[in-house]
Protein backbone atom coordinates (compact mmCIF):
# COMPACT_ATOMS: atom_id res chain seq x y z
CA UNK A 1 -6.88 24.59 -3.53
CA UNK A 2 -4.35 21.79 -3.69
CA UNK A 3 -5.12 18.19 -2.81
CA UNK A 4 -3.14 15.01 -2.25
CA UNK A 5 -4.75 11.91 -3.72
CA UNK A 6 -3.70 8.57 -2.22
CA UNK A 7 -4.02 6.09 -5.08
CA UNK A 8 -4.11 2.79 -3.21
CA UNK A 9 -2.76 -0.17 -5.10
CA UNK A 10 -1.99 -3.85 -4.77
CA UNK A 11 1.62 -5.03 -4.59
CA UNK A 12 3.45 -8.33 -4.79
CA UNK A 13 6.02 -9.16 -2.12
CA UNK A 14 8.50 -11.96 -2.82
CA UNK A 15 9.53 -14.18 0.11
CA UNK A 16 11.57 -17.37 0.52
CA UNK A 17 10.06 -20.34 2.36
CA UNK A 18 11.46 -23.77 3.23
CA UNK A 19 8.63 -26.30 2.95
CA UNK A 20 7.83 -29.84 1.82
CA UNK A 21 4.83 -28.85 -0.32
CA UNK A 22 3.19 -25.86 -1.98
CA UNK A 23 0.42 -25.91 0.64
CA UNK A 24 2.95 -25.82 3.48
CA UNK A 25 4.80 -23.00 1.73
CA UNK A 26 1.58 -20.95 1.49
CA UNK A 27 0.77 -21.58 5.16
CA UNK A 28 4.26 -20.56 6.25
CA UNK A 29 4.08 -17.40 4.14
CA UNK A 30 0.69 -16.56 5.68
CA UNK A 31 2.18 -17.06 9.17
CA UNK A 32 5.14 -14.87 8.16
CA UNK A 33 7.52 -17.82 8.66
CA UNK A 34 9.55 -16.67 5.67
CA UNK A 35 12.42 -14.43 4.59
CA UNK A 36 11.98 -11.44 2.29
CA UNK A 37 13.78 -11.58 -1.04
CA UNK A 38 14.60 -7.88 -1.02
CA UNK A 39 12.88 -4.75 0.13
CA UNK A 40 11.10 -3.91 -3.12
CA UNK A 41 7.45 -4.49 -3.89
CA UNK A 42 6.15 -5.16 -7.40
CA UNK A 43 3.18 -3.05 -8.52
CA UNK A 44 0.15 -5.27 -9.11
CA UNK A 45 -2.60 -2.83 -10.09
CA UNK A 46 -4.75 -0.19 -8.48
CA UNK A 47 -7.55 -0.83 -6.02
CA UNK A 48 -11.01 0.54 -6.80
CA UNK A 49 -11.15 4.31 -6.67
CA UNK A 50 -13.61 4.04 -3.77
CA UNK A 51 -10.63 2.96 -1.63
CA UNK A 52 -8.52 5.97 -2.62
CA UNK A 53 -8.15 8.87 -0.22
CA UNK A 54 -8.16 12.61 -0.78
CA UNK A 55 -6.64 15.11 1.61
CA UNK A 56 -6.50 18.87 1.42
CA UNK A 57 -2.86 19.88 0.98
CA UNK A 58 -3.24 23.54 1.80
CA UNK A 59 -6.27 25.39 3.15
CA UNK A 60 -8.04 27.87 0.90
CA UNK A 61 -6.70 31.39 1.00
CA UNK A 62 -9.08 33.99 2.39
CA UNK A 63 -8.89 37.75 2.21
CA UNK A 64 -10.61 38.21 5.54
CA UNK A 65 -8.64 39.45 8.52
CA UNK A 66 -9.46 38.29 12.00
CA UNK A 67 -10.46 41.02 14.45
C-alpha cells in the first residue's frame, strides 16, 4: 500500500509594517495591517509528529471479484 504523509512544519512569513514602535508593529502584524514582502515562506522546523497526517494513497489490491 502507498501512503501520503503530511509533515506539518512551522514557517516564517516576512511582512512590512509602518509603526512608531516595535509593540505597534507586532500589533499591526497580528491584525494583518501589513504588506507581504514576497510570496515565499521560510522553513522554520517541523511540528511534533503527533500533528502530522497520514492518508492512504491507493487502496489495497484484492484478488476477489464481486459477484
